[in-house]
Amino acid sequence: MKADAVRGHLDGLLLAVLEQGPLHGYAIIAAVQQRSGGVLELRTGTIYPALQRLERLGLLSSSWQSSGERRRRCYELTDAGRQTLAGERTAWSEFTAAIGSVLNPTTPPPGLAT
């Protein structure tokens, strides 16, 4: 899928995969890829700046966690992040409904011959 298709929706994707609990960067990438059936492949150079921005906005918090000898920064939703995710879902539903009604109309608009 083209990178342009994700542009504008990255925040919602990241917030959605973090809804179920804290994850580190590579786990976030894997979750998006798995949930999308392998269609969406995010790059580290894309998600880390976005995660840092979302944290600065107060939508995520992060902490260092150890896994064996490896330390990873894990991100999780804040209450503000949960509210923003709800808004992202509403906006996505409205957007897809509008695009769907144009691409796949069930009835022709008034004034158009069939």
N, C-alpha and C. Protein backbone atom coordinates (compact mmCIF):
# COMPACT_ATOMS: atom_id res chain seq x y z
N MET A 1 0.85 -1.18 0.00
CA MET A 1 0.00 0.00 0.00
C MET A 1 0.89 1.24 0.00
N LYS A 2 0.48 2.25 -0.70
CA LYS A 2 1.26 3.47 -0.80
C LYS A 2 1.34 4.17 0.56
N ALA A 3 2.51 4.78 0.82
CA ALA A 3 2.71 5.50 2.07
C ALA A 3 1.71 6.65 2.20
N ASP A 4 1.31 7.23 1.06
CA ASP A 4 0.34 8.33 1.09
C ASP A 4 -0.99 7.90 1.68
N ALA A 5 -1.32 6.62 1.55
CA ALA A 5 -2.60 6.13 2.06
C ALA A 5 -2.65 6.19 3.58
N VAL A 6 -1.49 6.09 4.22
CA VAL A 6 -1.43 6.11 5.68
C VAL A 6 -1.33 7.55 6.20
N ARG A 7 -0.78 8.42 5.39
CA ARG A 7 -0.58 9.81 5.81
C ARG A 7 -1.91 10.40 6.27
N GLY A 8 -1.91 11.05 7.40
CA GLY A 8 -3.12 11.62 7.94
C GLY A 8 -3.86 10.68 8.87
N HIS A 9 -3.48 9.40 8.85
CA HIS A 9 -4.14 8.41 9.69
C HIS A 9 -3.16 7.73 10.64
N LEU A 10 -1.90 8.11 10.57
CA LEU A 10 -0.87 7.46 11.38
C LEU A 10 -1.16 7.58 12.87
N ASP A 11 -1.55 8.76 13.33
CA ASP A 11 -1.83 8.94 14.76
C ASP A 11 -2.91 7.97 15.22
N GLY A 12 -3.98 7.87 14.46
CA GLY A 12 -5.06 6.96 14.82
C GLY A 12 -4.60 5.52 14.85
N LEU A 13 -3.77 5.12 13.90
CA LEU A 13 -3.26 3.75 13.88
C LEU A 13 -2.42 3.46 15.11
N LEU A 14 -1.54 4.39 15.46
CA LEU A 14 -0.68 4.19 16.62
C LEU A 14 -1.49 4.15 17.91
N LEU A 15 -2.42 5.08 18.04
CA LEU A 15 -3.26 5.10 19.24
C LEU A 15 -4.08 3.81 19.36
N ALA A 16 -4.58 3.32 18.23
CA ALA A 16 -5.42 2.12 18.25
C ALA A 16 -4.65 0.89 18.71
N VAL A 17 -3.43 0.71 18.24
CA VAL A 17 -2.69 -0.48 18.65
C VAL A 17 -2.22 -0.39 20.10
N LEU A 18 -2.14 0.82 20.63
CA LEU A 18 -1.74 0.98 22.03
C LEU A 18 -2.93 0.92 22.99
N GLU A 19 -4.12 0.81 22.45
CA GLU A 19 -5.33 0.78 23.29
C GLU A 19 -5.33 -0.41 24.24
N GLN A 20 -4.78 -1.52 23.82
CA GLN A 20 -4.82 -2.73 24.65
C GLN A 20 -3.70 -2.81 25.66
N GLY A 21 -2.76 -1.88 25.61
CA GLY A 21 -1.69 -1.89 26.60
C GLY A 21 -0.38 -1.40 26.01
N PRO A 22 0.62 -1.22 26.88
CA PRO A 22 1.91 -0.68 26.46
C PRO A 22 2.63 -1.60 25.48
N LEU A 23 3.30 -0.98 24.52
CA LEU A 23 4.13 -1.70 23.55
C LEU A 23 5.37 -0.87 23.24
N HIS A 24 6.43 -1.55 22.85
CA HIS A 24 7.62 -0.85 22.37
C HIS A 24 7.50 -0.69 20.85
N GLY A 25 8.39 0.10 20.28
CA GLY A 25 8.30 0.48 18.88
C GLY A 25 8.14 -0.66 17.89
N TYR A 26 9.02 -1.66 17.98
CA TYR A 26 8.93 -2.76 17.03
C TYR A 26 7.64 -3.56 17.21
N ALA A 27 7.16 -3.67 18.44
CA ALA A 27 5.89 -4.37 18.67
C ALA A 27 4.72 -3.58 18.08
N ILE A 28 4.83 -2.26 18.09
CA ILE A 28 3.79 -1.42 17.48
C ILE A 28 3.77 -1.65 15.97
N ILE A 29 4.95 -1.66 15.36
CA ILE A 29 5.06 -1.92 13.93
C ILE A 29 4.46 -3.29 13.59
N ALA A 30 4.81 -4.29 14.39
CA ALA A 30 4.30 -5.64 14.15
C ALA A 30 2.78 -5.70 14.33
N ALA A 31 2.25 -4.99 15.32
CA ALA A 31 0.80 -5.00 15.56
C ALA A 31 0.04 -4.37 14.40
N VAL A 32 0.55 -3.27 13.87
CA VAL A 32 -0.10 -2.63 12.72
C VAL A 32 -0.05 -3.57 11.52
N GLN A 33 1.09 -4.18 11.31
CA GLN A 33 1.23 -5.09 10.18
C GLN A 33 0.30 -6.30 10.33
N GLN A 34 0.24 -6.85 11.52
CA GLN A 34 -0.60 -8.03 11.76
C GLN A 34 -2.08 -7.69 11.63
N ARG A 35 -2.49 -6.57 12.23
CA ARG A 35 -3.90 -6.16 12.17
C ARG A 35 -4.35 -5.84 10.75
N SER A 36 -3.42 -5.38 9.92
CA SER A 36 -3.78 -5.02 8.55
C SER A 36 -3.60 -6.18 7.59
N GLY A 37 -3.33 -7.35 8.10
CA GLY A 37 -3.12 -8.50 7.23
C GLY A 37 -1.87 -8.38 6.38
N GLY A 38 -0.89 -7.65 6.88
CA GLY A 38 0.37 -7.48 6.17
C GLY A 38 0.37 -6.36 5.14
N VAL A 39 -0.73 -5.65 5.02
CA VAL A 39 -0.83 -4.60 4.01
C VAL A 39 -0.06 -3.35 4.44
N LEU A 40 -0.12 -3.01 5.72
CA LEU A 40 0.54 -1.80 6.21
C LEU A 40 1.87 -2.18 6.86
N GLU A 41 2.94 -1.63 6.33
CA GLU A 41 4.27 -1.84 6.89
C GLU A 41 4.86 -0.48 7.23
N LEU A 42 4.86 -0.16 8.51
CA LEU A 42 5.40 1.11 8.95
C LEU A 42 6.89 0.97 9.20
N ARG A 43 7.60 2.05 8.97
CA ARG A 43 9.04 2.06 9.17
C ARG A 43 9.38 2.75 10.49
N THR A 44 10.51 2.36 11.05
CA THR A 44 10.92 2.96 12.32
C THR A 44 11.10 4.47 12.17
N GLY A 45 11.59 4.90 11.01
CA GLY A 45 11.78 6.32 10.77
C GLY A 45 10.48 7.10 10.69
N THR A 46 9.39 6.38 10.56
CA THR A 46 8.06 7.00 10.53
C THR A 46 7.43 7.01 11.91
N ILE A 47 7.52 5.87 12.61
CA ILE A 47 6.75 5.79 13.86
C ILE A 47 7.42 6.47 15.05
N TYR A 48 8.76 6.40 15.16
CA TYR A 48 9.37 6.98 16.35
C TYR A 48 9.16 8.49 16.46
N PRO A 49 9.33 9.24 15.39
CA PRO A 49 9.01 10.68 15.50
C PRO A 49 7.53 10.91 15.85
N ALA A 50 6.64 10.07 15.29
CA ALA A 50 5.21 10.21 15.58
C ALA A 50 4.93 9.88 17.04
N LEU A 51 5.55 8.82 17.56
CA LEU A 51 5.35 8.47 18.97
C LEU A 51 5.85 9.59 19.89
N GLN A 52 6.99 10.15 19.57
CA GLN A 52 7.53 11.25 20.37
C GLN A 52 6.62 12.48 20.32
N ARG A 53 6.07 12.76 19.15
CA ARG A 53 5.15 13.88 19.01
C ARG A 53 3.88 13.65 19.81
N LEU A 54 3.33 12.43 19.73
CA LEU A 54 2.12 12.11 20.49
C LEU A 54 2.38 12.19 21.99
N GLU A 55 3.58 11.84 22.40
CA GLU A 55 3.93 11.95 23.83
C GLU A 55 4.01 13.43 24.24
N ARG A 56 4.63 14.25 23.39
CA ARG A 56 4.70 15.69 23.69
C ARG A 56 3.31 16.31 23.79
N LEU A 57 2.37 15.79 23.00
CA LEU A 57 0.99 16.29 23.02
C LEU A 57 0.19 15.77 24.22
N GLY A 58 0.79 14.85 24.98
CA GLY A 58 0.11 14.30 26.15
C GLY A 58 -0.84 13.15 25.83
N LEU A 59 -0.76 12.61 24.62
CA LEU A 59 -1.65 11.51 24.23
C LEU A 59 -1.06 10.15 24.58
N LEU A 60 0.26 10.11 24.78
CA LEU A 60 0.97 8.90 25.19
C LEU A 60 1.89 9.23 26.34
N SER A 61 2.19 8.21 27.13
CA SER A 61 3.28 8.31 28.10
C SER A 61 4.24 7.18 27.78
N SER A 62 5.46 7.29 28.25
CA SER A 62 6.42 6.24 27.97
C SER A 62 7.27 5.97 29.19
N SER A 63 7.84 4.79 29.21
CA SER A 63 8.75 4.40 30.29
C SER A 63 9.72 3.37 29.73
N TRP A 64 10.86 3.28 30.38
CA TRP A 64 11.85 2.29 29.97
C TRP A 64 11.53 0.98 30.67
N GLN A 65 11.54 -0.11 29.92
CA GLN A 65 11.32 -1.44 30.50
C GLN A 65 12.45 -2.35 30.03
N SER A 66 12.83 -3.26 30.91
CA SER A 66 13.90 -4.20 30.58
C SER A 66 13.33 -5.54 30.16
N SER A 67 13.96 -6.10 29.15
CA SER A 67 13.64 -7.45 28.69
C SER A 67 14.97 -8.17 28.58
N GLY A 68 15.30 -8.92 29.61
CA GLY A 68 16.64 -9.51 29.66
C GLY A 68 17.64 -8.39 29.87
N GLU A 69 18.63 -8.34 29.01
CA GLU A 69 19.63 -7.27 29.09
C GLU A 69 19.26 -6.07 28.24
N ARG A 70 18.17 -6.17 27.53
CA ARG A 70 17.75 -5.11 26.60
C ARG A 70 16.75 -4.18 27.26
N ARG A 71 16.96 -2.88 27.09
CA ARG A 71 16.00 -1.89 27.58
C ARG A 71 15.26 -1.31 26.39
N ARG A 72 13.95 -1.19 26.56
CA ARG A 72 13.12 -0.66 25.48
C ARG A 72 12.19 0.39 26.05
N ARG A 73 11.94 1.42 25.24
CA ARG A 73 10.96 2.42 25.63
C ARG A 73 9.59 1.92 25.21
N CYS A 74 8.69 1.81 26.19
CA CYS A 74 7.33 1.36 25.93
C CYS A 74 6.38 2.54 26.03
N TYR A 75 5.42 2.56 25.14
CA TYR A 75 4.46 3.65 25.06
C TYR A 75 3.08 3.13 25.44
N GLU A 76 2.30 4.00 26.10
CA GLU A 76 0.92 3.65 26.42
C GLU A 76 0.04 4.88 26.33
N LEU A 77 -1.25 4.62 26.13
CA LEU A 77 -2.22 5.71 26.01
C LEU A 77 -2.44 6.40 27.34
N THR A 78 -2.64 7.69 27.27
CA THR A 78 -3.11 8.45 28.43
C THR A 78 -4.63 8.60 28.28
N ASP A 79 -5.27 9.19 29.27
CA ASP A 79 -6.71 9.44 29.14
C ASP A 79 -6.99 10.35 27.94
N ALA A 80 -6.13 11.34 27.75
CA ALA A 80 -6.30 12.23 26.59
C ALA A 80 -6.13 11.45 25.28
N GLY A 81 -5.23 10.48 25.29
CA GLY A 81 -5.04 9.64 24.12
C GLY A 81 -6.26 8.80 23.80
N ARG A 82 -6.92 8.29 24.85
CA ARG A 82 -8.15 7.51 24.65
C ARG A 82 -9.26 8.39 24.06
N GLN A 83 -9.35 9.61 24.55
CA GLN A 83 -10.36 10.53 24.01
C GLN A 83 -10.05 10.87 22.55
N THR A 84 -8.80 11.09 22.26
CA THR A 84 -8.40 11.39 20.88
C THR A 84 -8.67 10.20 19.97
N LEU A 85 -8.41 9.00 20.45
CA LEU A 85 -8.68 7.80 19.67
C LEU A 85 -10.17 7.69 19.35
N ALA A 86 -11.02 7.99 20.31
CA ALA A 86 -12.46 7.97 20.06
C ALA A 86 -12.82 8.95 18.95
N GLY A 87 -12.23 10.14 18.99
CA GLY A 87 -12.47 11.13 17.95
C GLY A 87 -11.94 10.68 16.60
N GLU A 88 -10.77 10.03 16.59
CA GLU A 88 -10.20 9.51 15.35
C GLU A 88 -11.13 8.46 14.74
N ARG A 89 -11.71 7.62 15.58
CA ARG A 89 -12.62 6.59 15.07
C ARG A 89 -13.88 7.20 14.47
N THR A 90 -14.41 8.22 15.13
CA THR A 90 -15.59 8.90 14.60
C THR A 90 -15.26 9.56 13.26
N ALA A 91 -14.14 10.27 13.21
CA ALA A 91 -13.74 10.94 11.98
C ALA A 91 -13.51 9.92 10.86
N TRP A 92 -12.90 8.77 11.19
CA TRP A 92 -12.66 7.74 10.18
C TRP A 92 -13.98 7.19 9.64
N SER A 93 -14.93 6.95 10.52
CA SER A 93 -16.24 6.43 10.08
C SER A 93 -16.93 7.42 9.15
N GLU A 94 -16.87 8.69 9.50
CA GLU A 94 -17.48 9.71 8.65
C GLU A 94 -16.77 9.80 7.30
N PHE A 95 -15.45 9.75 7.34
CA PHE A 95 -14.66 9.84 6.11
C PHE A 95 -14.94 8.66 5.19
N THR A 96 -14.90 7.44 5.73
CA THR A 96 -15.12 6.26 4.89
C THR A 96 -16.55 6.21 4.36
N ALA A 97 -17.51 6.68 5.14
CA ALA A 97 -18.89 6.72 4.66
C ALA A 97 -19.02 7.69 3.49
N ALA A 98 -18.38 8.86 3.62
CA ALA A 98 -18.46 9.85 2.56
C ALA A 98 -17.77 9.36 1.28
N ILE A 99 -16.58 8.81 1.41
CA ILE A 99 -15.86 8.30 0.24
C ILE A 99 -16.62 7.12 -0.37
N GLY A 100 -17.14 6.25 0.48
CA GLY A 100 -17.91 5.11 0.00
C GLY A 100 -19.15 5.51 -0.76
N SER A 101 -19.80 6.57 -0.30
CA SER A 101 -21.02 7.00 -1.00
C SER A 101 -20.70 7.59 -2.37
N VAL A 102 -19.49 8.07 -2.56
CA VAL A 102 -19.09 8.58 -3.87
C VAL A 102 -18.61 7.44 -4.77
N LEU A 103 -17.76 6.57 -4.23
CA LEU A 103 -17.21 5.49 -5.05
C LEU A 103 -18.21 4.38 -5.34
N ASN A 104 -19.11 4.12 -4.42
CA ASN A 104 -20.06 3.02 -4.56
C ASN A 104 -21.47 3.50 -4.23
N PRO A 105 -22.02 4.38 -5.04
CA PRO A 105 -23.36 4.89 -4.72
C PRO A 105 -24.41 3.80 -4.86
N THR A 106 -25.37 3.82 -3.95
CA THR A 106 -26.45 2.83 -4.03
C THR A 106 -27.57 3.34 -4.91
N THR A 107 -27.73 4.66 -4.96
CA THR A 107 -28.73 5.26 -5.85
C THR A 107 -28.09 6.46 -6.50
N PRO A 108 -28.41 6.74 -7.75
CA PRO A 108 -27.82 7.91 -8.40
C PRO A 108 -28.35 9.20 -7.77
N PRO A 109 -27.51 10.21 -7.74
CA PRO A 109 -27.96 11.50 -7.21
C PRO A 109 -29.13 12.04 -8.02
N PRO A 110 -29.99 12.83 -7.40
CA PRO A 110 -31.11 13.42 -8.13
C PRO A 110 -30.63 14.21 -9.34
N GLY A 111 -31.34 14.11 -10.44
CA GLY A 111 -30.99 14.87 -11.63
C GLY A 111 -30.10 14.14 -12.61
N LEU A 112 -29.56 12.98 -12.20
CA LEU A 112 -28.73 12.23 -13.12
C LEU A 112 -29.54 11.11 -13.75
N ALA A 113 -29.41 10.95 -15.04
CA ALA A 113 -30.12 9.88 -15.73
C ALA A 113 -29.46 8.54 -15.43
N THR A 114 -30.24 7.50 -15.38
CA THR A 114 -29.66 6.16 -15.14
C THR A 114 -29.67 5.33 -16.39
